[in-house]
Amino acid sequence: MFRLTLQLPKDERFSLTDQIRRSSGSVGGQIAEAWAKRRYPKHFVSKLTDADGEQLETIHWLNIITDRRYIPSDQLEKAHDFCAQIGKMLGSMVRKPEAFAPPSR
């Protein structure tokens, strides 16, 4: 996403560029926090849900970029597909959190 935002107009640097960088970067951060809490399924799922929310926010900003035609559509399509894949993986993890929890001692 960072490289994609380098193509945005300079006048979008402190608005659209900042928003999409923050939301896309937060996905990984939320997943890292979820992983640290995987022994506690409700906390794990909560953080994964937060990550999915950030992923959906990123899609929102990609839609705005698409509407404004700032970046070629083939590049935006790849970014959308990447976000959709992440969303599917997060959904799978939310549905089966026990698969990621360490065994009880």
C-alpha atoms as a PDB file:
ATOM      1  CA  MET A   1       0.000   0.000   0.000  1.00  0.00           C
ATOM      2  CA  PHE A   2       2.863   2.345   0.781  1.00  0.00           C
ATOM      3  CA  ARG A   3       4.236   2.122  -2.757  1.00  0.00           C
ATOM      4  CA  LEU A   4       0.749   2.599  -4.144  1.00  0.00           C
ATOM      5  CA  THR A   5       0.307   5.821  -2.156  1.00  0.00           C
ATOM      6  CA  LEU A   6       3.518   7.246  -3.591  1.00  0.00           C
ATOM      7  CA  GLN A   7       1.551   7.707  -6.819  1.00  0.00           C
ATOM      8  CA  LEU A   8      -1.123   9.871  -5.213  1.00  0.00           C
ATOM      9  CA  PRO A   9      -1.118  13.615  -5.899  1.00  0.00           C
ATOM     10  CA  LYS A  10       0.928  15.737  -3.500  1.00  0.00           C
ATOM     11  CA  ASP A  11      -2.185  17.594  -2.338  1.00  0.00           C
ATOM     12  CA  GLU A  12      -3.526  14.277  -0.969  1.00  0.00           C
ATOM     13  CA  ARG A  13      -0.390  13.671   1.149  1.00  0.00           C
ATOM     14  CA  PHE A  14      -1.914  14.725   4.465  1.00  0.00           C
ATOM     15  CA  SER A  15      -5.390  13.327   3.918  1.00  0.00           C
ATOM     16  CA  LEU A  16      -5.971  10.337   1.670  1.00  0.00           C
ATOM     17  CA  THR A  17      -2.353   9.177   1.680  1.00  0.00           C
ATOM     18  CA  ASP A  18      -2.137   9.344   5.467  1.00  0.00           C
ATOM     19  CA  GLN A  19      -5.485   7.572   5.943  1.00  0.00           C
ATOM     20  CA  ILE A  20      -4.724   4.613   3.713  1.00  0.00           C
ATOM     21  CA  ARG A  21      -1.229   4.200   5.139  1.00  0.00           C
ATOM     22  CA  ARG A  22      -2.574   4.208   8.681  1.00  0.00           C
ATOM     23  CA  SER A  23      -5.420   1.768   8.045  1.00  0.00           C
ATOM     24  CA  SER A  24      -3.355  -0.664   5.973  1.00  0.00           C
ATOM     25  CA  GLY A  25      -0.464  -0.548   8.428  1.00  0.00           C
ATOM     26  CA  SER A  26      -2.778  -1.124  11.343  1.00  0.00           C
ATOM     27  CA  VAL A  27      -3.954  -4.470   9.937  1.00  0.00           C
ATOM     28  CA  GLY A  28      -0.606  -6.095  10.681  1.00  0.00           C
ATOM     29  CA  GLY A  29      -0.385  -4.424  14.069  1.00  0.00           C
ATOM     30  CA  GLN A  30      -3.793  -5.715  15.078  1.00  0.00           C
ATOM     31  CA  ILE A  31      -2.892  -9.237  13.937  1.00  0.00           C
ATOM     32  CA  ALA A  32       0.324  -9.085  15.983  1.00  0.00           C
ATOM     33  CA  GLU A  33      -1.686  -8.051  19.051  1.00  0.00           C
ATOM     34  CA  ALA A  34      -4.178 -10.841  18.369  1.00  0.00           C
ATOM     35  CA  TRP A  35      -1.371 -13.377  18.179  1.00  0.00           C
ATOM     36  CA  ALA A  36      -0.079 -12.255  21.558  1.00  0.00           C
ATOM     37  CA  LYS A  37      -3.554 -12.860  22.998  1.00  0.00           C
ATOM     38  CA  ARG A  38      -4.258 -16.181  21.295  1.00  0.00           C
ATOM     39  CA  ARG A  39      -4.495 -18.023  24.631  1.00  0.00           C
ATOM     40  CA  TYR A  40      -7.636 -16.034  25.328  1.00  0.00           C
ATOM     41  CA  PRO A  41     -10.067 -16.783  22.488  1.00  0.00           C
ATOM     42  CA  LYS A  42     -12.374 -13.806  23.071  1.00  0.00           C
ATOM     43  CA  HIS A  43      -9.479 -11.350  23.092  1.00  0.00           C
ATOM     44  CA  PHE A  44      -7.944 -13.079  20.077  1.00  0.00           C
ATOM     45  CA  VAL A  45     -11.168 -12.790  18.100  1.00  0.00           C
ATOM     46  CA  SER A  46     -11.653  -9.187  19.213  1.00  0.00           C
ATOM     47  CA  LYS A  47      -8.249  -8.129  17.889  1.00  0.00           C
ATOM     48  CA  LEU A  48      -8.773 -10.081  14.666  1.00  0.00           C
ATOM     49  CA  THR A  49     -12.087  -8.281  14.256  1.00  0.00           C
ATOM     50  CA  ASP A  50     -10.269  -4.968  14.717  1.00  0.00           C
ATOM     51  CA  ALA A  51      -7.785  -6.037  12.017  1.00  0.00           C
ATOM     52  CA  ASP A  52     -10.658  -6.851   9.687  1.00  0.00           C
ATOM     53  CA  GLY A  53     -12.164  -3.446  10.369  1.00  0.00           C
ATOM     54  CA  GLU A  54      -8.888  -1.786   9.379  1.00  0.00           C
ATOM     55  CA  GLN A  55      -8.763  -3.947   6.252  1.00  0.00           C
ATOM     56  CA  LEU A  56     -12.282  -2.792   5.339  1.00  0.00           C
ATOM     57  CA  GLU A  57     -11.304   0.815   5.993  1.00  0.00           C
ATOM     58  CA  THR A  58      -8.382   0.346   3.604  1.00  0.00           C
ATOM     59  CA  ILE A  59     -10.830  -0.886   0.968  1.00  0.00           C
ATOM     60  CA  HIS A  60     -12.901   2.245   1.564  1.00  0.00           C
ATOM     61  CA  TRP A  61      -9.877   4.455   0.831  1.00  0.00           C
ATOM     62  CA  LEU A  62      -9.029   2.354  -2.229  1.00  0.00           C
ATOM     63  CA  ASN A  63     -12.570   2.964  -3.469  1.00  0.00           C
ATOM     64  CA  ILE A  64     -12.059   6.711  -3.129  1.00  0.00           C
ATOM     65  CA  ILE A  65      -8.786   6.467  -5.047  1.00  0.00           C
ATOM     66  CA  THR A  66     -10.630   4.456  -7.702  1.00  0.00           C
ATOM     67  CA  ASP A  67     -13.425   7.037  -7.937  1.00  0.00           C
ATOM     68  CA  ARG A  68     -10.906   9.863  -8.321  1.00  0.00           C
ATOM     69  CA  ARG A  69      -8.881   7.915 -10.911  1.00  0.00           C
ATOM     70  CA  TYR A  70      -5.574   8.722  -9.269  1.00  0.00           C
ATOM     71  CA  ILE A  71      -3.977   5.336  -9.970  1.00  0.00           C
ATOM     72  CA  PRO A  72      -4.307   2.911 -12.903  1.00  0.00           C
ATOM     73  CA  SER A  73      -7.174   0.473 -12.442  1.00  0.00           C
ATOM     74  CA  ASP A  74      -5.001  -2.646 -12.815  1.00  0.00           C
ATOM     75  CA  GLN A  75      -2.915  -1.603  -9.791  1.00  0.00           C
ATOM     76  CA  LEU A  76      -6.018  -0.835  -7.758  1.00  0.00           C
ATOM     77  CA  GLU A  77      -7.538  -4.177  -8.700  1.00  0.00           C
ATOM     78  CA  LYS A  78      -4.458  -5.955  -7.328  1.00  0.00           C
ATOM     79  CA  ALA A  79      -4.694  -3.954  -4.098  1.00  0.00           C
ATOM     80  CA  HIS A  80      -8.410  -4.790  -3.761  1.00  0.00           C
ATOM     81  CA  ASP A  81      -7.683  -8.482  -4.363  1.00  0.00           C
ATOM     82  CA  PHE A  82      -4.930  -8.434  -1.745  1.00  0.00           C
ATOM     83  CA  CYS A  83      -7.288  -6.882   0.806  1.00  0.00           C
ATOM     84  CA  ALA A  84      -9.980  -9.438  -0.034  1.00  0.00           C
ATOM     85  CA  GLN A  85      -7.509 -12.283   0.553  1.00  0.00           C
ATOM     86  CA  ILE A  86      -6.543 -10.836   3.922  1.00  0.00           C
ATOM     87  CA  GLY A  87     -10.223 -10.467   4.800  1.00  0.00           C
ATOM     88  CA  LYS A  88     -10.855 -14.124   3.978  1.00  0.00           C
ATOM     89  CA  MET A  89      -7.921 -15.262   6.100  1.00  0.00           C
ATOM     90  CA  LEU A  90      -9.065 -13.128   9.017  1.00  0.00           C
ATOM     91  CA  GLY A  91     -12.585 -14.484   8.673  1.00  0.00           C
ATOM     92  CA  SER A  92     -11.278 -18.026   8.791  1.00  0.00           C
ATOM     93  CA  MET A  93      -9.268 -17.266  11.923  1.00  0.00           C
ATOM     94  CA  VAL A  94     -12.287 -15.645  13.605  1.00  0.00           C
ATOM     95  CA  ARG A  95     -14.457 -18.677  12.830  1.00  0.00           C
ATOM     96  CA  LYS A  96     -11.902 -21.140  14.259  1.00  0.00           C
ATOM     97  CA  PRO A  97      -9.820 -19.373  16.907  1.00  0.00           C
ATOM     98  CA  GLU A  98      -9.108 -22.650  18.694  1.00  0.00           C
ATOM     99  CA  ALA A  99      -6.907 -23.711  15.776  1.00  0.00           C
ATOM    100  CA  PHE A 100      -4.479 -20.944  16.721  1.00  0.00           C
ATOM    101  CA  ALA A 101      -4.503 -21.239  20.497  1.00  0.00           C
ATOM    102  CA  PRO A 102      -1.674 -23.044  22.239  1.00  0.00           C
ATOM    103  CA  PRO A 103      -2.660 -26.249  24.014  1.00  0.00           C
ATOM    104  CA  SER A 104      -3.888 -25.808  27.582  1.00  0.00           C
ATOM    105  CA  ARG A 105      -1.513 -26.844  30.316  1.00  0.00           C
END
